Amino acid sequence: MPDPHAGLKPQTALGHDVPVTITIGAVTITERFDVALASLAVRRGRDKDLAKAAKAADLPLPPAAMAQFAVPYSAFWMTPEMWMVEAPFASHEEITAGLKTALGDTASLTEQTDAWVRLDITADNPVPLFERLSNIDLATKPVGFAARTVIEHLGTYLIKRSPTDITLYGPRASAQSLLHALEVTAKSLL
C-alpha cells in the first residue's frame, strides 16, 4: 500500500516552505516555526507540588504579566495558575510528553505548537509600531513583560524580550491577517 503521506511537505503558519522575514524601514518581522509550545495549568490544590517539580525541571513559572527566558524551557504567564511553555522544537517536538514526565500529575498539559503563529518583531524603537497596534503602553513595560492583547480584532500574546525585540503569538488560522496588520502599520511609520 502506498504511503498516504508521500509527497506532503510541511508548511509554516504563513503557508510557505521556509519561514518569512520581512523588513519595512526599521522594522523586521520574522516568522518562527522552530518553537514547541504547551499550555500548563496547575491542578487544583497542587500549586506547591508543581512549583517543586518545575524547579527540579528548570521550568520557570513567571508571575502575572511576565515571561522568563531559560534553556531549554521558557514560559510566559497567561492567566492565574496557567502558563505557556516554549522550548526548541528540534529537541522538544514532543514537549507535552517531556513535561508530563517532569511534572507528573501536578499540572494539566495541552500541546499548542500547531495552534499558534509566532512572529518576532525587531525595531530600534518598537513603541511607535505598537502604539498603533495595541492598547499596551509598551514604553512603560519592563523587559520580560507578557500579556494578552488584541491586534486587529485578533487575540494575541505579546512578549517584550528586549527593548528592541517583541514576540507576538496569534492564532495560526489568522496568521496572514496578523502579518498584514503588522506590515500596514510598519509602512505607515515610513
N, C-alpha and C. Protein backbone atom coordinates (compact mmCIF):
# COMPACT_ATOMS: atom_id res chain seq x y z
N MET A 1 0.85 -1.18 0.00
CA MET A 1 0.00 0.00 0.00
C MET A 1 0.89 1.24 0.00
N PRO A 2 0.60 2.18 -0.86
CA PRO A 2 1.43 3.39 -0.90
C PRO A 2 1.26 4.22 0.37
N ASP A 3 2.30 4.94 0.70
CA ASP A 3 2.28 5.83 1.87
C ASP A 3 1.33 6.99 1.60
N PRO A 4 0.27 7.17 2.45
CA PRO A 4 -0.68 8.25 2.21
C PRO A 4 -0.07 9.64 2.43
N HIS A 5 1.08 9.68 3.07
CA HIS A 5 1.73 10.96 3.34
C HIS A 5 2.82 11.30 2.33
N ALA A 6 3.06 10.40 1.40
CA ALA A 6 4.09 10.64 0.38
C ALA A 6 3.76 11.90 -0.40
N GLY A 7 4.74 12.72 -0.58
CA GLY A 7 4.58 13.94 -1.35
C GLY A 7 4.08 15.12 -0.53
N LEU A 8 3.69 14.90 0.72
CA LEU A 8 3.26 16.01 1.56
C LEU A 8 4.48 16.72 2.13
N LYS A 9 4.42 18.03 2.16
CA LYS A 9 5.52 18.82 2.70
C LYS A 9 4.98 19.72 3.80
N PRO A 10 5.70 19.81 4.91
CA PRO A 10 5.23 20.72 5.96
C PRO A 10 5.34 22.17 5.50
N GLN A 11 4.41 22.99 5.99
CA GLN A 11 4.43 24.40 5.68
C GLN A 11 4.38 25.20 6.97
N THR A 12 4.93 26.39 6.92
CA THR A 12 4.86 27.30 8.06
C THR A 12 3.43 27.81 8.19
N ALA A 13 3.15 28.51 9.28
CA ALA A 13 1.81 29.05 9.50
C ALA A 13 1.39 30.02 8.40
N LEU A 14 2.35 30.67 7.78
CA LEU A 14 2.06 31.61 6.70
C LEU A 14 1.99 30.92 5.34
N GLY A 15 2.08 29.58 5.32
CA GLY A 15 1.88 28.82 4.10
C GLY A 15 3.08 28.68 3.19
N HIS A 16 4.28 28.79 3.73
CA HIS A 16 5.49 28.69 2.93
C HIS A 16 6.32 27.48 3.35
N ASP A 17 7.29 27.12 2.52
CA ASP A 17 8.20 26.03 2.85
C ASP A 17 9.23 26.46 3.89
N VAL A 18 9.56 27.73 3.90
CA VAL A 18 10.52 28.29 4.85
C VAL A 18 9.87 29.50 5.52
N PRO A 19 10.32 29.85 6.72
CA PRO A 19 9.70 30.99 7.41
C PRO A 19 9.95 32.30 6.67
N VAL A 20 9.02 33.21 6.83
CA VAL A 20 9.05 34.50 6.16
C VAL A 20 9.78 35.52 7.03
N THR A 21 10.62 36.34 6.42
CA THR A 21 11.20 37.50 7.07
C THR A 21 10.95 38.70 6.17
N ILE A 22 10.38 39.75 6.76
CA ILE A 22 10.04 40.95 6.01
C ILE A 22 10.63 42.14 6.75
N THR A 23 11.31 43.02 6.00
CA THR A 23 11.84 44.24 6.59
C THR A 23 11.16 45.43 5.92
N ILE A 24 10.59 46.30 6.75
CA ILE A 24 9.93 47.52 6.29
C ILE A 24 10.53 48.66 7.10
N GLY A 25 11.33 49.47 6.46
CA GLY A 25 12.02 50.54 7.19
C GLY A 25 12.88 49.95 8.29
N ALA A 26 12.67 50.40 9.52
CA ALA A 26 13.47 49.92 10.66
C ALA A 26 12.84 48.73 11.36
N VAL A 27 11.75 48.18 10.79
CA VAL A 27 11.03 47.07 11.42
C VAL A 27 11.29 45.78 10.65
N THR A 28 11.70 44.74 11.36
CA THR A 28 11.85 43.42 10.77
C THR A 28 10.88 42.46 11.45
N ILE A 29 10.11 41.74 10.64
CA ILE A 29 9.13 40.77 11.13
C ILE A 29 9.61 39.39 10.68
N THR A 30 9.79 38.49 11.63
CA THR A 30 10.30 37.17 11.33
C THR A 30 9.34 36.11 11.84
N GLU A 31 8.89 35.25 10.92
CA GLU A 31 8.05 34.12 11.32
C GLU A 31 8.95 33.05 11.94
N ARG A 32 8.53 32.50 13.07
CA ARG A 32 9.29 31.45 13.74
C ARG A 32 8.47 30.16 13.73
N PHE A 33 9.10 29.08 13.34
CA PHE A 33 8.42 27.78 13.35
C PHE A 33 9.22 26.76 14.15
N ASP A 34 10.28 27.22 14.78
CA ASP A 34 11.22 26.33 15.46
C ASP A 34 11.01 26.27 16.97
N VAL A 35 9.79 26.60 17.42
CA VAL A 35 9.49 26.62 18.85
C VAL A 35 8.32 25.68 19.12
N ALA A 36 8.51 24.78 20.08
CA ALA A 36 7.44 23.91 20.55
C ALA A 36 6.71 24.62 21.69
N LEU A 37 5.39 24.46 21.74
CA LEU A 37 4.57 25.13 22.75
C LEU A 37 3.65 24.14 23.46
N ALA A 38 3.46 24.40 24.75
CA ALA A 38 2.47 23.64 25.52
C ALA A 38 1.88 24.57 26.57
N SER A 39 0.58 24.49 26.75
CA SER A 39 -0.03 25.24 27.86
C SER A 39 0.01 24.34 29.09
N LEU A 40 0.19 24.98 30.24
CA LEU A 40 0.34 24.28 31.51
C LEU A 40 -0.60 24.93 32.52
N ALA A 41 -1.45 24.15 33.13
CA ALA A 41 -2.37 24.66 34.14
C ALA A 41 -2.22 23.85 35.42
N VAL A 42 -2.12 24.53 36.54
CA VAL A 42 -1.99 23.87 37.84
C VAL A 42 -3.26 23.08 38.12
N ARG A 43 -3.10 21.88 38.59
CA ARG A 43 -4.27 21.12 39.04
C ARG A 43 -4.66 21.59 40.44
N ARG A 44 -5.94 21.52 40.73
CA ARG A 44 -6.48 22.04 41.98
C ARG A 44 -5.71 21.52 43.19
N GLY A 45 -5.24 22.48 43.99
CA GLY A 45 -4.54 22.14 45.22
C GLY A 45 -3.12 21.65 45.05
N ARG A 46 -2.59 21.70 43.84
CA ARG A 46 -1.25 21.13 43.57
C ARG A 46 -0.22 22.21 43.30
N ASP A 47 -0.50 23.47 43.63
CA ASP A 47 0.42 24.56 43.29
C ASP A 47 1.80 24.38 43.91
N LYS A 48 1.89 23.96 45.15
CA LYS A 48 3.20 23.77 45.79
C LYS A 48 3.94 22.59 45.18
N ASP A 49 3.20 21.53 44.86
CA ASP A 49 3.83 20.37 44.21
C ASP A 49 4.35 20.74 42.82
N LEU A 50 3.56 21.54 42.10
CA LEU A 50 4.00 21.97 40.77
C LEU A 50 5.24 22.84 40.88
N ALA A 51 5.25 23.77 41.82
CA ALA A 51 6.41 24.66 41.98
C ALA A 51 7.68 23.84 42.23
N LYS A 52 7.56 22.83 43.05
CA LYS A 52 8.72 21.97 43.36
C LYS A 52 9.17 21.18 42.13
N ALA A 53 8.22 20.57 41.42
CA ALA A 53 8.55 19.79 40.22
C ALA A 53 9.11 20.69 39.12
N ALA A 54 8.54 21.89 38.96
CA ALA A 54 9.03 22.82 37.93
C ALA A 54 10.45 23.26 38.23
N LYS A 55 10.73 23.52 39.49
CA LYS A 55 12.09 23.92 39.87
C LYS A 55 13.08 22.81 39.55
N ALA A 56 12.71 21.57 39.85
CA ALA A 56 13.60 20.44 39.56
C ALA A 56 13.82 20.27 38.05
N ALA A 57 12.84 20.66 37.25
CA ALA A 57 12.93 20.54 35.79
C ALA A 57 13.50 21.79 35.12
N ASP A 58 13.93 22.78 35.91
CA ASP A 58 14.42 24.06 35.36
C ASP A 58 13.36 24.71 34.48
N LEU A 59 12.11 24.62 34.90
CA LEU A 59 10.99 25.22 34.19
C LEU A 59 10.53 26.46 34.94
N PRO A 60 10.73 27.64 34.37
CA PRO A 60 10.28 28.86 35.06
C PRO A 60 8.76 28.97 35.04
N LEU A 61 8.20 29.47 36.13
CA LEU A 61 6.77 29.78 36.22
C LEU A 61 6.66 31.25 36.63
N PRO A 62 6.73 32.16 35.66
CA PRO A 62 6.80 33.59 35.98
C PRO A 62 5.52 34.11 36.62
N PRO A 63 5.64 35.23 37.33
CA PRO A 63 4.46 35.84 37.94
C PRO A 63 3.57 36.50 36.88
N ALA A 64 2.46 37.03 37.32
CA ALA A 64 1.47 37.65 36.43
C ALA A 64 2.11 38.69 35.52
N ALA A 65 1.69 38.66 34.27
CA ALA A 65 2.10 39.62 33.23
C ALA A 65 3.60 39.60 32.96
N MET A 66 4.23 38.46 33.17
CA MET A 66 5.67 38.36 32.94
C MET A 66 6.02 37.08 32.17
N ALA A 67 7.21 37.10 31.59
CA ALA A 67 7.81 35.94 30.94
C ALA A 67 9.19 35.75 31.55
N GLN A 68 9.66 34.52 31.53
CA GLN A 68 11.02 34.23 31.94
C GLN A 68 11.65 33.37 30.87
N PHE A 69 12.90 33.70 30.53
CA PHE A 69 13.59 33.05 29.44
C PHE A 69 14.72 32.20 30.00
N ALA A 70 14.74 30.92 29.64
CA ALA A 70 15.76 30.00 30.13
C ALA A 70 15.97 28.93 29.06
N VAL A 71 16.86 28.00 29.37
CA VAL A 71 17.15 26.88 28.47
C VAL A 71 16.96 25.60 29.26
N PRO A 72 16.24 24.61 28.78
CA PRO A 72 15.60 24.59 27.47
C PRO A 72 14.22 25.24 27.47
N TYR A 73 13.64 25.44 28.67
CA TYR A 73 12.28 25.96 28.73
C TYR A 73 12.23 27.45 29.05
N SER A 74 11.35 28.15 28.36
CA SER A 74 10.94 29.50 28.71
C SER A 74 9.44 29.42 28.93
N ALA A 75 8.89 30.42 29.60
CA ALA A 75 7.45 30.40 29.82
C ALA A 75 6.94 31.82 29.96
N PHE A 76 5.65 32.00 29.64
CA PHE A 76 5.01 33.27 29.92
C PHE A 76 3.65 33.01 30.56
N TRP A 77 3.30 33.93 31.46
CA TRP A 77 2.06 33.84 32.22
C TRP A 77 0.89 34.13 31.29
N MET A 78 -0.17 33.32 31.40
CA MET A 78 -1.37 33.52 30.59
C MET A 78 -2.55 34.00 31.43
N THR A 79 -2.83 33.31 32.50
CA THR A 79 -3.90 33.63 33.44
C THR A 79 -3.46 33.09 34.79
N PRO A 80 -4.20 33.38 35.86
CA PRO A 80 -3.81 32.80 37.14
C PRO A 80 -3.66 31.28 37.05
N GLU A 81 -2.52 30.82 37.51
CA GLU A 81 -2.18 29.39 37.56
C GLU A 81 -2.11 28.73 36.19
N MET A 82 -1.77 29.51 35.14
CA MET A 82 -1.63 28.96 33.80
C MET A 82 -0.53 29.69 33.04
N TRP A 83 0.29 28.90 32.34
CA TRP A 83 1.41 29.44 31.57
C TRP A 83 1.48 28.77 30.21
N MET A 84 2.17 29.43 29.29
CA MET A 84 2.55 28.82 28.02
C MET A 84 4.04 28.56 28.11
N VAL A 85 4.43 27.34 27.77
CA VAL A 85 5.83 26.91 27.86
C VAL A 85 6.40 26.81 26.45
N GLU A 86 7.58 27.36 26.26
CA GLU A 86 8.30 27.31 24.98
C GLU A 86 9.56 26.46 25.14
N ALA A 87 9.92 25.77 24.07
CA ALA A 87 11.19 25.03 24.03
C ALA A 87 11.59 24.88 22.57
N PRO A 88 12.87 24.64 22.30
CA PRO A 88 13.28 24.43 20.91
C PRO A 88 12.57 23.21 20.31
N PHE A 89 11.97 23.40 19.15
CA PHE A 89 11.23 22.31 18.51
C PHE A 89 12.14 21.14 18.17
N ALA A 90 13.35 21.41 17.74
CA ALA A 90 14.26 20.34 17.32
C ALA A 90 14.51 19.32 18.43
N SER A 91 14.56 19.79 19.67
CA SER A 91 14.83 18.87 20.79
C SER A 91 13.59 18.57 21.63
N HIS A 92 12.48 19.27 21.37
CA HIS A 92 11.27 19.10 22.20
C HIS A 92 10.00 19.00 21.36
N GLU A 93 10.09 18.29 20.24
CA GLU A 93 8.91 18.13 19.39
C GLU A 93 7.74 17.55 20.19
N GLU A 94 8.04 16.65 21.10
CA GLU A 94 7.03 16.04 21.98
C GLU A 94 7.06 16.75 23.34
N ILE A 95 6.86 18.06 23.33
CA ILE A 95 7.01 18.88 24.53
C ILE A 95 6.09 18.43 25.66
N THR A 96 4.87 18.07 25.36
CA THR A 96 3.95 17.68 26.44
C THR A 96 4.39 16.38 27.11
N ALA A 97 4.92 15.45 26.34
CA ALA A 97 5.39 14.19 26.93
C ALA A 97 6.55 14.45 27.89
N GLY A 98 7.48 15.30 27.49
CA GLY A 98 8.61 15.62 28.36
C GLY A 98 8.18 16.34 29.62
N LEU A 99 7.25 17.28 29.47
CA LEU A 99 6.76 17.99 30.64
C LEU A 99 5.96 17.08 31.56
N LYS A 100 5.18 16.18 30.98
CA LYS A 100 4.40 15.24 31.78
C LYS A 100 5.32 14.36 32.63
N THR A 101 6.42 13.93 32.04
CA THR A 101 7.39 13.13 32.78
C THR A 101 7.96 13.93 33.94
N ALA A 102 8.27 15.18 33.70
CA ALA A 102 8.89 16.02 34.74
C ALA A 102 7.89 16.47 35.81
N LEU A 103 6.64 16.73 35.41
CA LEU A 103 5.68 17.34 36.33
C LEU A 103 4.66 16.37 36.90
N GLY A 104 4.58 15.17 36.32
CA GLY A 104 3.63 14.18 36.81
C GLY A 104 2.20 14.69 36.75
N ASP A 105 1.45 14.46 37.83
CA ASP A 105 0.04 14.86 37.85
C ASP A 105 -0.20 16.19 38.54
N THR A 106 0.85 17.03 38.62
CA THR A 106 0.70 18.34 39.27
C THR A 106 0.07 19.37 38.35
N ALA A 107 0.06 19.08 37.04
CA ALA A 107 -0.43 20.06 36.07
C ALA A 107 -1.13 19.36 34.91
N SER A 108 -2.02 20.09 34.27
CA SER A 108 -2.63 19.63 33.03
C SER A 108 -1.91 20.31 31.88
N LEU A 109 -1.56 19.51 30.88
CA LEU A 109 -0.76 20.00 29.75
C LEU A 109 -1.53 19.81 28.45
N THR A 110 -1.40 20.79 27.56
CA THR A 110 -2.02 20.69 26.25
C THR A 110 -1.02 21.13 25.20
N GLU A 111 -0.83 20.29 24.19
CA GLU A 111 0.04 20.61 23.07
C GLU A 111 -0.53 21.84 22.34
N GLN A 112 0.32 22.84 22.07
CA GLN A 112 -0.14 24.08 21.45
C GLN A 112 0.67 24.47 20.21
N THR A 113 1.68 23.68 19.86
CA THR A 113 2.63 24.09 18.82
C THR A 113 1.95 24.49 17.51
N ASP A 114 1.02 23.71 17.04
CA ASP A 114 0.41 23.98 15.74
C ASP A 114 -0.81 24.90 15.81
N ALA A 115 -1.13 25.41 16.99
CA ALA A 115 -2.30 26.28 17.14
C ALA A 115 -1.95 27.76 16.97
N TRP A 116 -0.67 28.10 17.01
CA TRP A 116 -0.25 29.50 17.04
C TRP A 116 0.76 29.81 15.95
N VAL A 117 0.80 31.06 15.53
CA VAL A 117 1.88 31.57 14.72
C VAL A 117 2.71 32.46 15.64
N ARG A 118 4.02 32.34 15.53
CA ARG A 118 4.91 33.23 16.28
C ARG A 118 5.57 34.17 15.30
N LEU A 119 5.44 35.46 15.59
CA LEU A 119 6.11 36.49 14.80
C LEU A 119 6.99 37.28 15.74
N ASP A 120 8.28 37.35 15.43
CA ASP A 120 9.23 38.15 16.20
C ASP A 120 9.43 39.47 15.46
N ILE A 121 9.27 40.56 16.18
CA ILE A 121 9.40 41.89 15.61
C ILE A 121 10.62 42.56 16.23
N THR A 122 11.51 43.03 15.37
CA THR A 122 12.70 43.74 15.83
C THR A 122 12.67 45.14 15.23
N ALA A 123 12.90 46.12 16.09
CA ALA A 123 12.96 47.52 15.65
C ALA A 123 13.80 48.29 16.66
N ASP A 124 14.51 49.32 16.19
CA ASP A 124 15.28 50.14 17.12
C ASP A 124 14.38 50.68 18.22
N ASN A 125 13.16 51.06 17.84
CA ASN A 125 12.17 51.54 18.80
C ASN A 125 10.81 50.99 18.39
N PRO A 126 10.37 49.86 18.97
CA PRO A 126 9.09 49.27 18.57
C PRO A 126 7.87 49.99 19.14
N VAL A 127 8.08 50.97 20.01
CA VAL A 127 6.95 51.65 20.67
C VAL A 127 5.99 52.29 19.67
N PRO A 128 6.46 53.08 18.68
CA PRO A 128 5.51 53.70 17.75
C PRO A 128 4.66 52.66 16.98
N LEU A 129 5.25 51.53 16.64
CA LEU A 129 4.52 50.47 15.95
C LEU A 129 3.39 49.95 16.83
N PHE A 130 3.72 49.63 18.08
CA PHE A 130 2.72 49.02 18.95
C PHE A 130 1.73 50.04 19.53
N GLU A 131 2.08 51.33 19.50
CA GLU A 131 1.10 52.35 19.86
C GLU A 131 -0.07 52.33 18.89
N ARG A 132 0.21 51.97 17.65
CA ARG A 132 -0.83 51.94 16.61
C ARG A 132 -1.54 50.59 16.55
N LEU A 133 -0.94 49.55 17.12
CA LEU A 133 -1.49 48.20 17.01
C LEU A 133 -2.24 47.72 18.24
N SER A 134 -1.87 48.22 19.42
CA SER A 134 -2.32 47.59 20.66
C SER A 134 -2.61 48.65 21.72
N ASN A 135 -3.37 48.25 22.72
CA ASN A 135 -3.64 49.15 23.85
C ASN A 135 -2.58 49.06 24.94
N ILE A 136 -1.54 48.29 24.73
CA ILE A 136 -0.47 48.16 25.71
C ILE A 136 0.52 49.32 25.55
N ASP A 137 0.82 49.98 26.65
CA ASP A 137 1.80 51.07 26.65
C ASP A 137 3.19 50.44 26.78
N LEU A 138 3.71 50.00 25.66
CA LEU A 138 4.97 49.25 25.62
C LEU A 138 6.13 50.03 26.23
N ALA A 139 6.12 51.35 26.09
CA ALA A 139 7.22 52.18 26.60
C ALA A 139 7.38 52.06 28.10
N THR A 140 6.31 51.76 28.81
CA THR A 140 6.36 51.68 30.28
C THR A 140 6.56 50.26 30.80
N LYS A 141 6.62 49.28 29.91
CA LYS A 141 6.71 47.89 30.33
C LYS A 141 8.16 47.41 30.38
N PRO A 142 8.50 46.63 31.41
CA PRO A 142 9.87 46.14 31.52
C PRO A 142 10.14 44.98 30.56
N VAL A 143 11.40 44.71 30.33
CA VAL A 143 11.77 43.50 29.60
C VAL A 143 11.23 42.31 30.39
N GLY A 144 10.63 41.39 29.67
CA GLY A 144 10.00 40.24 30.32
C GLY A 144 8.51 40.41 30.49
N PHE A 145 7.98 41.57 30.12
CA PHE A 145 6.53 41.79 30.20
C PHE A 145 5.84 40.86 29.21
N ALA A 146 4.70 40.29 29.61
CA ALA A 146 3.91 39.42 28.74
C ALA A 146 2.43 39.62 29.06
N ALA A 147 1.62 39.78 28.03
CA ALA A 147 0.19 39.98 28.25
C ALA A 147 -0.60 39.61 27.00
N ARG A 148 -1.85 39.32 27.23
CA ARG A 148 -2.79 39.11 26.12
C ARG A 148 -3.30 40.48 25.70
N THR A 149 -3.42 40.67 24.39
CA THR A 149 -3.94 41.92 23.85
C THR A 149 -4.70 41.61 22.57
N VAL A 150 -5.26 42.64 21.98
CA VAL A 150 -5.98 42.48 20.72
C VAL A 150 -5.28 43.33 19.67
N ILE A 151 -4.98 42.71 18.54
CA ILE A 151 -4.41 43.41 17.39
C ILE A 151 -5.30 43.10 16.20
N GLU A 152 -5.93 44.15 15.66
CA GLU A 152 -6.84 43.99 14.51
C GLU A 152 -7.88 42.89 14.78
N HIS A 153 -8.49 42.93 15.92
CA HIS A 153 -9.56 42.00 16.32
C HIS A 153 -9.07 40.58 16.57
N LEU A 154 -7.77 40.39 16.65
CA LEU A 154 -7.21 39.06 16.90
C LEU A 154 -6.64 39.01 18.31
N GLY A 155 -7.06 38.04 19.09
CA GLY A 155 -6.46 37.84 20.41
C GLY A 155 -5.04 37.35 20.24
N THR A 156 -4.09 38.09 20.79
CA THR A 156 -2.68 37.73 20.66
C THR A 156 -2.00 37.82 22.02
N TYR A 157 -0.87 37.17 22.14
CA TYR A 157 0.00 37.33 23.30
C TYR A 157 1.22 38.12 22.86
N LEU A 158 1.58 39.12 23.64
CA LEU A 158 2.73 39.98 23.36
C LEU A 158 3.76 39.77 24.45
N ILE A 159 5.01 39.56 24.05
CA ILE A 159 6.11 39.37 24.99
C ILE A 159 7.22 40.34 24.63
N LYS A 160 7.66 41.12 25.61
CA LYS A 160 8.77 42.06 25.41
C LYS A 160 10.06 41.35 25.80
N ARG A 161 10.81 40.87 24.81
CA ARG A 161 12.03 40.10 25.07
C ARG A 161 13.23 40.99 25.34
N SER A 162 13.23 42.17 24.77
CA SER A 162 14.29 43.15 25.00
C SER A 162 13.70 44.51 24.60
N PRO A 163 14.43 45.59 24.81
CA PRO A 163 13.89 46.90 24.39
C PRO A 163 13.61 46.98 22.88
N THR A 164 14.24 46.11 22.09
CA THR A 164 14.07 46.16 20.63
C THR A 164 13.39 44.93 20.05
N ASP A 165 13.09 43.92 20.87
CA ASP A 165 12.57 42.65 20.36
C ASP A 165 11.25 42.28 21.04
N ILE A 166 10.21 42.13 20.22
CA ILE A 166 8.88 41.79 20.69
C ILE A 166 8.45 40.50 20.00
N THR A 167 7.81 39.62 20.74
CA THR A 167 7.22 38.41 20.17
C THR A 167 5.71 38.52 20.25
N LEU A 168 5.06 38.15 19.15
CA LEU A 168 3.61 38.03 19.13
C LEU A 168 3.24 36.59 18.83
N TYR A 169 2.31 36.05 19.61
CA TYR A 169 1.68 34.78 19.30
C TYR A 169 0.24 35.08 18.94
N GLY A 170 -0.17 34.66 17.74
CA GLY A 170 -1.54 34.84 17.31
C GLY A 170 -2.09 33.52 16.81
N PRO A 171 -3.40 33.44 16.61
CA PRO A 171 -3.99 32.20 16.12
C PRO A 171 -3.42 31.82 14.76
N ARG A 172 -3.02 30.59 14.61
CA ARG A 172 -2.44 30.13 13.35
C ARG A 172 -3.39 30.36 12.18
N ALA A 173 -4.68 30.16 12.41
CA ALA A 173 -5.66 30.33 11.34
C ALA A 173 -5.73 31.78 10.86
N SER A 174 -5.24 32.71 11.65
CA SER A 174 -5.27 34.13 11.30
C SER A 174 -3.87 34.69 11.06
N ALA A 175 -2.92 33.83 10.77
CA ALA A 175 -1.52 34.25 10.60
C ALA A 175 -1.38 35.33 9.53
N GLN A 176 -2.03 35.15 8.38
CA GLN A 176 -1.92 36.13 7.30
C GLN A 176 -2.50 37.48 7.72
N SER A 177 -3.60 37.47 8.46
CA SER A 177 -4.22 38.72 8.91
C SER A 177 -3.33 39.46 9.89
N LEU A 178 -2.70 38.72 10.80
CA LEU A 178 -1.80 39.35 11.76
C LEU A 178 -0.59 39.95 11.06
N LEU A 179 -0.01 39.19 10.13
CA LEU A 179 1.13 39.71 9.37
C LEU A 179 0.71 40.96 8.58
N HIS A 180 -0.44 40.94 7.96
CA HIS A 180 -0.92 42.10 7.19
C HIS A 180 -1.03 43.33 8.08
N ALA A 181 -1.58 43.16 9.28
CA ALA A 181 -1.71 44.29 10.21
C ALA A 181 -0.34 44.86 10.56
N LEU A 182 0.63 43.99 10.79
CA LEU A 182 1.99 44.45 11.10
C LEU A 182 2.61 45.18 9.91
N GLU A 183 2.44 44.63 8.71
CA GLU A 183 3.02 45.26 7.52
C GLU A 183 2.41 46.64 7.25
N VAL A 184 1.10 46.73 7.29
CA VAL A 184 0.43 48.01 7.03
C VAL A 184 0.85 49.05 8.04
N THR A 185 0.93 48.65 9.30
CA THR A 185 1.29 49.59 10.36
C THR A 185 2.76 50.00 10.22
N ALA A 186 3.64 49.06 9.92
CA ALA A 186 5.06 49.40 9.73
C ALA A 186 5.23 50.36 8.56
N LYS A 187 4.47 50.16 7.48
CA LYS A 187 4.55 51.07 6.31
C LYS A 187 4.06 52.47 6.69
N SER A 188 3.11 52.55 7.60
CA SER A 188 2.60 53.87 7.99
C SER A 188 3.64 54.68 8.77
N LEU A 189 4.67 54.01 9.26
CA LEU A 189 5.73 54.71 10.01
C LEU A 189 6.82 55.27 9.10
N LEU A 190 6.82 54.89 7.84
CA LEU A 190 7.86 55.35 6.92
C LEU A 190 7.75 56.83 6.62
